[in-house]
Amino acid sequence: MAKLKERIPYFRSRLSDILKYINENAAYLQRSVEENNNRWDIFYHPDPYNSYDYDIWGNYQNEVQCLKEWFLARFEWLSSEIDNI
């Protein structure tokens, strides 16, 4: 548990690097995502098998933004929970 508590500040200090990494990979995958959507028409159409339909925001950039917001919220939750242990 002590080791885990030590790592949180490390990752907190690198949150901007992590978000930059997400952005870089999102840019790299942009064309593939467009082709995937052309084939399967997934944006703007909720998937009845996906319990996370509320995360479908209609385009790739919004999906990436949703991922980053989820990541930051999850990291904050993890940080607060570890502080309570």
PDB file of N, CA and C in Angstrom:
ATOM      1  N   MET A   1       0.829  -1.179   0.000  1.00  0.00           N
ATOM      2  CA  MET A   1       0.000   0.000   0.000  1.00  0.00           C
ATOM      3  C   MET A   1       0.880   1.252   0.000  1.00  0.00           C
ATOM      4  N   ALA A   2       1.984   1.193   0.721  1.00  0.00           N
ATOM      5  CA  ALA A   2       2.901   2.338   0.761  1.00  0.00           C
ATOM      6  C   ALA A   2       3.468   2.631  -0.624  1.00  0.00           C
ATOM      7  N   LYS A   3       3.819   1.581  -1.356  1.00  0.00           N
ATOM      8  CA  LYS A   3       4.350   1.765  -2.713  1.00  0.00           C
ATOM      9  C   LYS A   3       3.296   2.410  -3.626  1.00  0.00           C
ATOM     10  N   LEU A   4       2.067   1.963  -3.494  1.00  0.00           N
ATOM     11  CA  LEU A   4       0.989   2.537  -4.286  1.00  0.00           C
ATOM     12  C   LEU A   4       0.808   4.021  -3.961  1.00  0.00           C
ATOM     13  N   LYS A   5       0.834   4.347  -2.699  1.00  0.00           N
ATOM     14  CA  LYS A   5       0.703   5.757  -2.291  1.00  0.00           C
ATOM     15  C   LYS A   5       1.866   6.604  -2.808  1.00  0.00           C
ATOM     16  N   GLU A   6       3.029   6.001  -2.952  1.00  0.00           N
ATOM     17  CA  GLU A   6       4.181   6.724  -3.505  1.00  0.00           C
ATOM     18  C   GLU A   6       3.997   7.030  -4.987  1.00  0.00           C
ATOM     19  N   ARG A   7       3.309   6.163  -5.702  1.00  0.00           N
ATOM     20  CA  ARG A   7       3.168   6.313  -7.156  1.00  0.00           C
ATOM     21  C   ARG A   7       2.159   7.386  -7.559  1.00  0.00           C
ATOM     22  N   ILE A   8       1.191   7.639  -6.728  1.00  0.00           N
ATOM     23  CA  ILE A   8       0.157   8.621  -7.075  1.00  0.00           C
ATOM     24  C   ILE A   8       0.756   9.989  -7.386  1.00  0.00           C
ATOM     25  N   PRO A   9       1.641  10.544  -6.549  1.00  0.00           N
ATOM     26  CA  PRO A   9       2.238  11.840  -6.896  1.00  0.00           C
ATOM     27  C   PRO A   9       3.031  11.798  -8.211  1.00  0.00           C
ATOM     28  N   TYR A  10       3.662  10.669  -8.483  1.00  0.00           N
ATOM     29  CA  TYR A  10       4.403  10.517  -9.739  1.00  0.00           C
ATOM     30  C   TYR A  10       3.471  10.698 -10.935  1.00  0.00           C
ATOM     31  N   PHE A  11       2.349   9.987 -10.910  1.00  0.00           N
ATOM     32  CA  PHE A  11       1.413  10.094 -12.020  1.00  0.00           C
ATOM     33  C   PHE A  11       0.704  11.443 -12.032  1.00  0.00           C
ATOM     34  N   ARG A  12       0.418  11.995 -10.881  1.00  0.00           N
ATOM     35  CA  ARG A  12      -0.208  13.314 -10.821  1.00  0.00           C
ATOM     36  C   ARG A  12       0.686  14.351 -11.503  1.00  0.00           C
ATOM     37  N   SER A  13       1.987  14.251 -11.289  1.00  0.00           N
ATOM     38  CA  SER A  13       2.912  15.211 -11.889  1.00  0.00           C
ATOM     39  C   SER A  13       3.043  15.013 -13.402  1.00  0.00           C
ATOM     40  N   ARG A  14       2.537  13.901 -13.904  1.00  0.00           N
ATOM     41  CA  ARG A  14       2.644  13.599 -15.333  1.00  0.00           C
ATOM     42  C   ARG A  14       1.290  13.530 -16.045  1.00  0.00           C
ATOM     43  N   LEU A  15       0.277  14.074 -15.435  1.00  0.00           N
ATOM     44  CA  LEU A  15      -1.045  14.031 -16.061  1.00  0.00           C
ATOM     45  C   LEU A  15      -1.045  14.709 -17.425  1.00  0.00           C
ATOM     46  N   SER A  16      -0.348  15.817 -17.557  1.00  0.00           N
ATOM     47  CA  SER A  16      -0.321  16.494 -18.854  1.00  0.00           C
ATOM     48  C   SER A  16       0.373  15.620 -19.902  1.00  0.00           C
ATOM     49  N   ASP A  17       1.391  14.879 -19.500  1.00  0.00           N
ATOM     50  CA  ASP A  17       2.055  13.958 -20.433  1.00  0.00           C
ATOM     51  C   ASP A  17       1.114  12.828 -20.858  1.00  0.00           C
ATOM     52  N   ILE A  18       0.332  12.333 -19.924  1.00  0.00           N
ATOM     53  CA  ILE A  18      -0.613  11.258 -20.229  1.00  0.00           C
ATOM     54  C   ILE A  18      -1.680  11.763 -21.200  1.00  0.00           C
ATOM     55  N   LEU A  19      -2.201  12.967 -20.960  1.00  0.00           N
ATOM     56  CA  LEU A  19      -3.199  13.537 -21.864  1.00  0.00           C
ATOM     57  C   LEU A  19      -2.601  13.820 -23.240  1.00  0.00           C
ATOM     58  N   LYS A  20      -1.357  14.240 -23.267  1.00  0.00           N
ATOM     59  CA  LYS A  20      -0.668  14.461 -24.538  1.00  0.00           C
ATOM     60  C   LYS A  20      -0.538  13.141 -25.294  1.00  0.00           C
ATOM     61  N   TYR A  21      -0.217  12.077 -24.588  1.00  0.00           N
ATOM     62  CA  TYR A  21      -0.103  10.747 -25.188  1.00  0.00           C
ATOM     63  C   TYR A  21      -1.443  10.315 -25.796  1.00  0.00           C
ATOM     64  N   ILE A  22      -2.531  10.552 -25.070  1.00  0.00           N
ATOM     65  CA  ILE A  22      -3.862  10.226 -25.595  1.00  0.00           C
ATOM     66  C   ILE A  22      -4.127  11.020 -26.863  1.00  0.00           C
ATOM     67  N   ASN A  23      -3.826  12.312 -26.845  1.00  0.00           N
ATOM     68  CA  ASN A  23      -4.043  13.160 -28.023  1.00  0.00           C
ATOM     69  C   ASN A  23      -3.220  12.695 -29.218  1.00  0.00           C
ATOM     70  N   GLU A  24      -1.961  12.354 -28.972  1.00  0.00           N
ATOM     71  CA  GLU A  24      -1.095  11.895 -30.067  1.00  0.00           C
ATOM     72  C   GLU A  24      -1.624  10.609 -30.681  1.00  0.00           C
ATOM     73  N   ASN A  25      -2.052   9.684 -29.852  1.00  0.00           N
ATOM     74  CA  ASN A  25      -2.585   8.427 -30.371  1.00  0.00           C
ATOM     75  C   ASN A  25      -3.925   8.632 -31.059  1.00  0.00           C
ATOM     76  N   ALA A  26      -4.727   9.547 -30.545  1.00  0.00           N
ATOM     77  CA  ALA A  26      -6.002   9.851 -31.187  1.00  0.00           C
ATOM     78  C   ALA A  26      -5.757  10.417 -32.581  1.00  0.00           C
ATOM     79  N   ALA A  27      -4.778  11.292 -32.709  1.00  0.00           N
ATOM     80  CA  ALA A  27      -4.448  11.859 -34.020  1.00  0.00           C
ATOM     81  C   ALA A  27      -3.938  10.767 -34.961  1.00  0.00           C
ATOM     82  N   TYR A  28      -3.111   9.881 -34.436  1.00  0.00           N
ATOM     83  CA  TYR A  28      -2.565   8.784 -35.237  1.00  0.00           C
ATOM     84  C   TYR A  28      -3.682   7.867 -35.745  1.00  0.00           C
ATOM     85  N   LEU A  29      -4.698   7.647 -34.938  1.00  0.00           N
ATOM     86  CA  LEU A  29      -5.777   6.727 -35.283  1.00  0.00           C
ATOM     87  C   LEU A  29      -6.923   7.381 -36.056  1.00  0.00           C
ATOM     88  N   GLN A  30      -6.871   8.690 -36.236  1.00  0.00           N
ATOM     89  CA  GLN A  30      -7.975   9.437 -36.849  1.00  0.00           C
ATOM     90  C   GLN A  30      -8.464   8.815 -38.160  1.00  0.00           C
ATOM     91  N   ARG A  31      -7.573   8.545 -39.076  1.00  0.00           N
ATOM     92  CA  ARG A  31      -7.965   8.010 -40.382  1.00  0.00           C
ATOM     93  C   ARG A  31      -8.604   6.623 -40.247  1.00  0.00           C
ATOM     94  N   SER A  32      -8.063   5.804 -39.385  1.00  0.00           N
ATOM     95  CA  SER A  32      -8.638   4.470 -39.168  1.00  0.00           C
ATOM     96  C   SER A  32     -10.039   4.570 -38.591  1.00  0.00           C
ATOM     97  N   VAL A  33     -10.228   5.510 -37.695  1.00  0.00           N
ATOM     98  CA  VAL A  33     -11.547   5.708 -37.097  1.00  0.00           C
ATOM     99  C   VAL A  33     -12.546   6.158 -38.167  1.00  0.00           C
ATOM    100  N   GLU A  34     -12.116   7.049 -39.040  1.00  0.00           N
ATOM    101  CA  GLU A  34     -12.994   7.502 -40.130  1.00  0.00           C
ATOM    102  C   GLU A  34     -13.398   6.340 -41.026  1.00  0.00           C
ATOM    103  N   GLU A  35     -12.425   5.518 -41.389  1.00  0.00           N
ATOM    104  CA  GLU A  35     -12.726   4.361 -42.237  1.00  0.00           C
ATOM    105  C   GLU A  35     -13.634   3.364 -41.511  1.00  0.00           C
ATOM    106  N   ASN A  36     -13.404   3.156 -40.235  1.00  0.00           N
ATOM    107  CA  ASN A  36     -14.253   2.265 -39.449  1.00  0.00           C
ATOM    108  C   ASN A  36     -15.686   2.784 -39.418  1.00  0.00           C
ATOM    109  N   ASN A  37     -15.827   4.102 -39.212  1.00  0.00           N
ATOM    110  CA  ASN A  37     -17.166   4.684 -39.197  1.00  0.00           C
ATOM    111  C   ASN A  37     -17.824   4.602 -40.571  1.00  0.00           C
ATOM    112  N   ASN A  38     -17.045   4.783 -41.638  1.00  0.00           N
ATOM    113  CA  ASN A  38     -17.605   4.640 -42.981  1.00  0.00           C
ATOM    114  C   ASN A  38     -18.157   3.235 -43.207  1.00  0.00           C
ATOM    115  N   ARG A  39     -17.473   2.266 -42.651  1.00  0.00           N
ATOM    116  CA  ARG A  39     -17.900   0.867 -42.830  1.00  0.00           C
ATOM    117  C   ARG A  39     -19.076   0.498 -41.931  1.00  0.00           C
ATOM    118  N   TRP A  40     -19.024   0.916 -40.646  1.00  0.00           N
ATOM    119  CA  TRP A  40     -19.995   0.442 -39.665  1.00  0.00           C
ATOM    120  C   TRP A  40     -21.003   1.496 -39.213  1.00  0.00           C
ATOM    121  N   ASP A  41     -20.772   2.752 -39.572  1.00  0.00           N
ATOM    122  CA  ASP A  41     -21.694   3.843 -39.225  1.00  0.00           C
ATOM    123  C   ASP A  41     -22.048   3.828 -37.737  1.00  0.00           C
ATOM    124  N   ILE A  42     -21.021   3.944 -36.900  1.00  0.00           N
ATOM    125  CA  ILE A  42     -21.234   3.813 -35.455  1.00  0.00           C
ATOM    126  C   ILE A  42     -21.545   5.121 -34.740  1.00  0.00           C
ATOM    127  N   PHE A  43     -21.109   6.243 -35.283  1.00  0.00           N
ATOM    128  CA  PHE A  43     -21.369   7.499 -34.596  1.00  0.00           C
ATOM    129  C   PHE A  43     -22.806   7.939 -34.834  1.00  0.00           C
ATOM    130  N   TYR A  44     -23.386   8.537 -33.837  1.00  0.00           N
ATOM    131  CA  TYR A  44     -24.774   9.015 -33.833  1.00  0.00           C
ATOM    132  C   TYR A  44     -25.799   7.900 -33.690  1.00  0.00           C
ATOM    133  N   HIS A  45     -25.363   6.676 -33.543  1.00  0.00           N
ATOM    134  CA  HIS A  45     -26.293   5.570 -33.411  1.00  0.00           C
ATOM    135  C   HIS A  45     -25.970   4.774 -32.148  1.00  0.00           C
ATOM    136  N   PRO A  46     -26.794   4.904 -31.115  1.00  0.00           N
ATOM    137  CA  PRO A  46     -26.546   4.109 -29.908  1.00  0.00           C
ATOM    138  C   PRO A  46     -26.583   2.613 -30.210  1.00  0.00           C
ATOM    139  N   ASP A  47     -25.720   1.893 -29.557  1.00  0.00           N
ATOM    140  CA  ASP A  47     -25.635   0.448 -29.721  1.00  0.00           C
ATOM    141  C   ASP A  47     -26.484  -0.205 -28.622  1.00  0.00           C
ATOM    142  N   PRO A  48     -27.494  -0.992 -28.970  1.00  0.00           N
ATOM    143  CA  PRO A  48     -28.342  -1.603 -27.946  1.00  0.00           C
ATOM    144  C   PRO A  48     -27.585  -2.586 -27.047  1.00  0.00           C
ATOM    145  N   TYR A  49     -26.408  -3.032 -27.479  1.00  0.00           N
ATOM    146  CA  TYR A  49     -25.619  -3.966 -26.690  1.00  0.00           C
ATOM    147  C   TYR A  49     -24.585  -3.266 -25.823  1.00  0.00           C
ATOM    148  N   ASN A  50     -24.503  -1.952 -25.961  1.00  0.00           N
ATOM    149  CA  ASN A  50     -23.521  -1.174 -25.227  1.00  0.00           C
ATOM    150  C   ASN A  50     -24.203  -0.510 -24.043  1.00  0.00           C
ATOM    151  N   SER A  51     -23.839  -0.908 -22.849  1.00  0.00           N
ATOM    152  CA  SER A  51     -24.461  -0.313 -21.660  1.00  0.00           C
ATOM    153  C   SER A  51     -23.944   1.088 -21.388  1.00  0.00           C
ATOM    154  N   TYR A  52     -22.991   1.549 -22.177  1.00  0.00           N
ATOM    155  CA  TYR A  52     -22.407   2.873 -21.984  1.00  0.00           C
ATOM    156  C   TYR A  52     -22.845   3.838 -23.077  1.00  0.00           C
ATOM    157  N   ASP A  53     -24.062   3.705 -23.578  1.00  0.00           N
ATOM    158  CA  ASP A  53     -24.529   4.558 -24.667  1.00  0.00           C
ATOM    159  C   ASP A  53     -24.413   6.036 -24.347  1.00  0.00           C
ATOM    160  N   TYR A  54     -24.476   6.395 -23.076  1.00  0.00           N
ATOM    161  CA  TYR A  54     -24.371   7.803 -22.717  1.00  0.00           C
ATOM    162  C   TYR A  54     -22.999   8.363 -23.070  1.00  0.00           C
ATOM    163  N   ASP A  55     -22.020   7.509 -23.347  1.00  0.00           N
ATOM    164  CA  ASP A  55     -20.686   7.976 -23.731  1.00  0.00           C
ATOM    165  C   ASP A  55     -20.542   8.190 -25.237  1.00  0.00           C
ATOM    166  N   ILE A  56     -21.558   7.886 -26.003  1.00  0.00           N
ATOM    167  CA  ILE A  56     -21.465   8.074 -27.440  1.00  0.00           C
ATOM    168  C   ILE A  56     -21.843   9.514 -27.749  1.00  0.00           C
ATOM    169  N   TRP A  57     -20.859  10.298 -28.097  1.00  0.00           N
ATOM    170  CA  TRP A  57     -21.045  11.743 -28.267  1.00  0.00           C
ATOM    171  C   TRP A  57     -21.123  12.162 -29.722  1.00  0.00           C
ATOM    172  N   GLY A  58     -21.119  11.242 -30.651  1.00  0.00           N
ATOM    173  CA  GLY A  58     -21.402  11.595 -32.024  1.00  0.00           C
ATOM    174  C   GLY A  58     -20.228  11.805 -32.945  1.00  0.00           C
ATOM    175  N   ASN A  59     -19.036  12.012 -32.436  1.00  0.00           N
ATOM    176  CA  ASN A  59     -17.878  12.079 -33.323  1.00  0.00           C
ATOM    177  C   ASN A  59     -16.618  11.708 -32.550  1.00  0.00           C
ATOM    178  N   TYR A  60     -15.595  11.472 -33.289  1.00  0.00           N
ATOM    179  CA  TYR A  60     -14.357  10.949 -32.708  1.00  0.00           C
ATOM    180  C   TYR A  60     -13.734  11.898 -31.694  1.00  0.00           C
ATOM    181  N   GLN A  61     -13.670  13.178 -32.031  1.00  0.00           N
ATOM    182  CA  GLN A  61     -13.060  14.135 -31.103  1.00  0.00           C
ATOM    183  C   GLN A  61     -13.816  14.178 -29.775  1.00  0.00           C
ATOM    184  N   ASN A  62     -15.130  14.100 -29.840  1.00  0.00           N
ATOM    185  CA  ASN A  62     -15.910  14.080 -28.610  1.00  0.00           C
ATOM    186  C   ASN A  62     -15.680  12.806 -27.810  1.00  0.00           C
ATOM    187  N   GLU A  63     -15.515  11.708 -28.514  1.00  0.00           N
ATOM    188  CA  GLU A  63     -15.221  10.445 -27.829  1.00  0.00           C
ATOM    189  C   GLU A  63     -13.865  10.514 -27.117  1.00  0.00           C
ATOM    190  N   VAL A  64     -12.885  11.089 -27.783  1.00  0.00           N
ATOM    191  CA  VAL A  64     -11.561  11.237 -27.178  1.00  0.00           C
ATOM    192  C   VAL A  64     -11.659  12.138 -25.949  1.00  0.00           C
ATOM    193  N   GLN A  65     -12.405  13.224 -26.072  1.00  0.00           N
ATOM    194  CA  GLN A  65     -12.579  14.129 -24.934  1.00  0.00           C
ATOM    195  C   GLN A  65     -13.261  13.413 -23.771  1.00  0.00           C
ATOM    196  N   CYS A  66     -14.254  12.601 -24.083  1.00  0.00           N
ATOM    197  CA  CYS A  66     -14.947  11.823 -23.050  1.00  0.00           C
ATOM    198  C   CYS A  66     -13.974  10.876 -22.353  1.00  0.00           C
ATOM    199  N   LEU A  67     -13.101  10.239 -23.116  1.00  0.00           N
ATOM    200  CA  LEU A  67     -12.092   9.354 -22.531  1.00  0.00           C
ATOM    201  C   LEU A  67     -11.188  10.114 -21.569  1.00  0.00           C
ATOM    202  N   LYS A  68     -10.735  11.292 -21.975  1.00  0.00           N
ATOM    203  CA  LYS A  68      -9.834  12.076 -21.122  1.00  0.00           C
ATOM    204  C   LYS A  68     -10.549  12.529 -19.857  1.00  0.00           C
ATOM    205  N   GLU A  69     -11.797  12.936 -19.982  1.00  0.00           N
ATOM    206  CA  GLU A  69     -12.562  13.345 -18.798  1.00  0.00           C
ATOM    207  C   GLU A  69     -12.768  12.167 -17.855  1.00  0.00           C
ATOM    208  N   TRP A  70     -13.091  10.992 -18.417  1.00  0.00           N
ATOM    209  CA  TRP A  70     -13.254   9.799 -17.590  1.00  0.00           C
ATOM    210  C   TRP A  70     -11.946   9.471 -16.876  1.00  0.00           C
ATOM    211  N   PHE A  71     -10.843   9.526 -17.609  1.00  0.00           N
ATOM    212  CA  PHE A  71      -9.535   9.220 -17.028  1.00  0.00           C
ATOM    213  C   PHE A  71      -9.227  10.160 -15.862  1.00  0.00           C
ATOM    214  N   LEU A  72      -9.426  11.444 -16.057  1.00  0.00           N
ATOM    215  CA  LEU A  72      -9.130  12.409 -14.994  1.00  0.00           C
ATOM    216  C   LEU A  72     -10.033  12.192 -13.781  1.00  0.00           C
ATOM    217  N   ALA A  73     -11.306  11.938 -14.022  1.00  0.00           N
ATOM    218  CA  ALA A  73     -12.226  11.676 -12.908  1.00  0.00           C
ATOM    219  C   ALA A  73     -11.836  10.405 -12.172  1.00  0.00           C
ATOM    220  N   ARG A  74     -11.467   9.380 -12.915  1.00  0.00           N
ATOM    221  CA  ARG A  74     -11.064   8.112 -12.300  1.00  0.00           C
ATOM    222  C   ARG A  74      -9.782   8.284 -11.489  1.00  0.00           C
ATOM    223  N   PHE A  75      -8.848   9.057 -12.030  1.00  0.00           N
ATOM    224  CA  PHE A  75      -7.602   9.296 -11.316  1.00  0.00           C
ATOM    225  C   PHE A  75      -7.862  10.057 -10.016  1.00  0.00           C
ATOM    226  N   GLU A  76      -8.733  11.051 -10.072  1.00  0.00           N
ATOM    227  CA  GLU A  76      -9.067  11.804  -8.857  1.00  0.00           C
ATOM    228  C   GLU A  76      -9.753  10.907  -7.835  1.00  0.00           C
ATOM    229  N   TRP A  77     -10.649  10.040  -8.301  1.00  0.00           N
ATOM    230  CA  TRP A  77     -11.304   9.117  -7.400  1.00  0.00           C
ATOM    231  C   TRP A  77     -10.290   8.180  -6.760  1.00  0.00           C
ATOM    232  N   LEU A  78      -9.402   7.633  -7.563  1.00  0.00           N
ATOM    233  CA  LEU A  78      -8.372   6.732  -7.056  1.00  0.00           C
ATOM    234  C   LEU A  78      -7.502   7.443  -6.031  1.00  0.00           C
ATOM    235  N   SER A  79      -7.103   8.657  -6.344  1.00  0.00           N
ATOM    236  CA  SER A  79      -6.264   9.431  -5.418  1.00  0.00           C
ATOM    237  C   SER A  79      -6.969   9.645  -4.091  1.00  0.00           C
ATOM    238  N   SER A  80      -8.230  10.002  -4.134  1.00  0.00           N
ATOM    239  CA  SER A  80      -8.958  10.252  -2.886  1.00  0.00           C
ATOM    240  C   SER A  80      -9.184   8.975  -2.097  1.00  0.00           C
ATOM    241  N   GLU A  81      -9.445   7.876  -2.778  1.00  0.00           N
ATOM    242  CA  GLU A  81      -9.641   6.611  -2.086  1.00  0.00           C
ATOM    243  C   GLU A  81      -8.353   6.112  -1.438  1.00  0.00           C
ATOM    244  N   ILE A  82      -7.252   6.278  -2.110  1.00  0.00           N
ATOM    245  CA  ILE A  82      -5.978   5.848  -1.541  1.00  0.00           C
ATOM    246  C   ILE A  82      -5.632   6.694  -0.321  1.00  0.00           C
ATOM    247  N   ASP A  83      -5.972   7.972  -0.359  1.00  0.00           N
ATOM    248  CA  ASP A  83      -5.728   8.840   0.791  1.00  0.00           C
ATOM    249  C   ASP A  83      -6.534   8.398   1.998  1.00  0.00           C
ATOM    250  N   ASN A  84      -7.662   7.729   1.771  1.00  0.00           N
ATOM    251  CA  ASN A  84      -8.521   7.268   2.870  1.00  0.00           C
ATOM    252  C   ASN A  84      -8.089   5.926   3.455  1.00  0.00           C
ATOM    253  N   ILE A  85      -7.132   5.286   2.817  1.00  0.00           N
ATOM    254  CA  ILE A  85      -6.697   3.961   3.292  1.00  0.00           C
ATOM    255  C   ILE A  85      -5.645   4.131   4.367  1.00  0.00           C
TER     256      ILE A  85
END
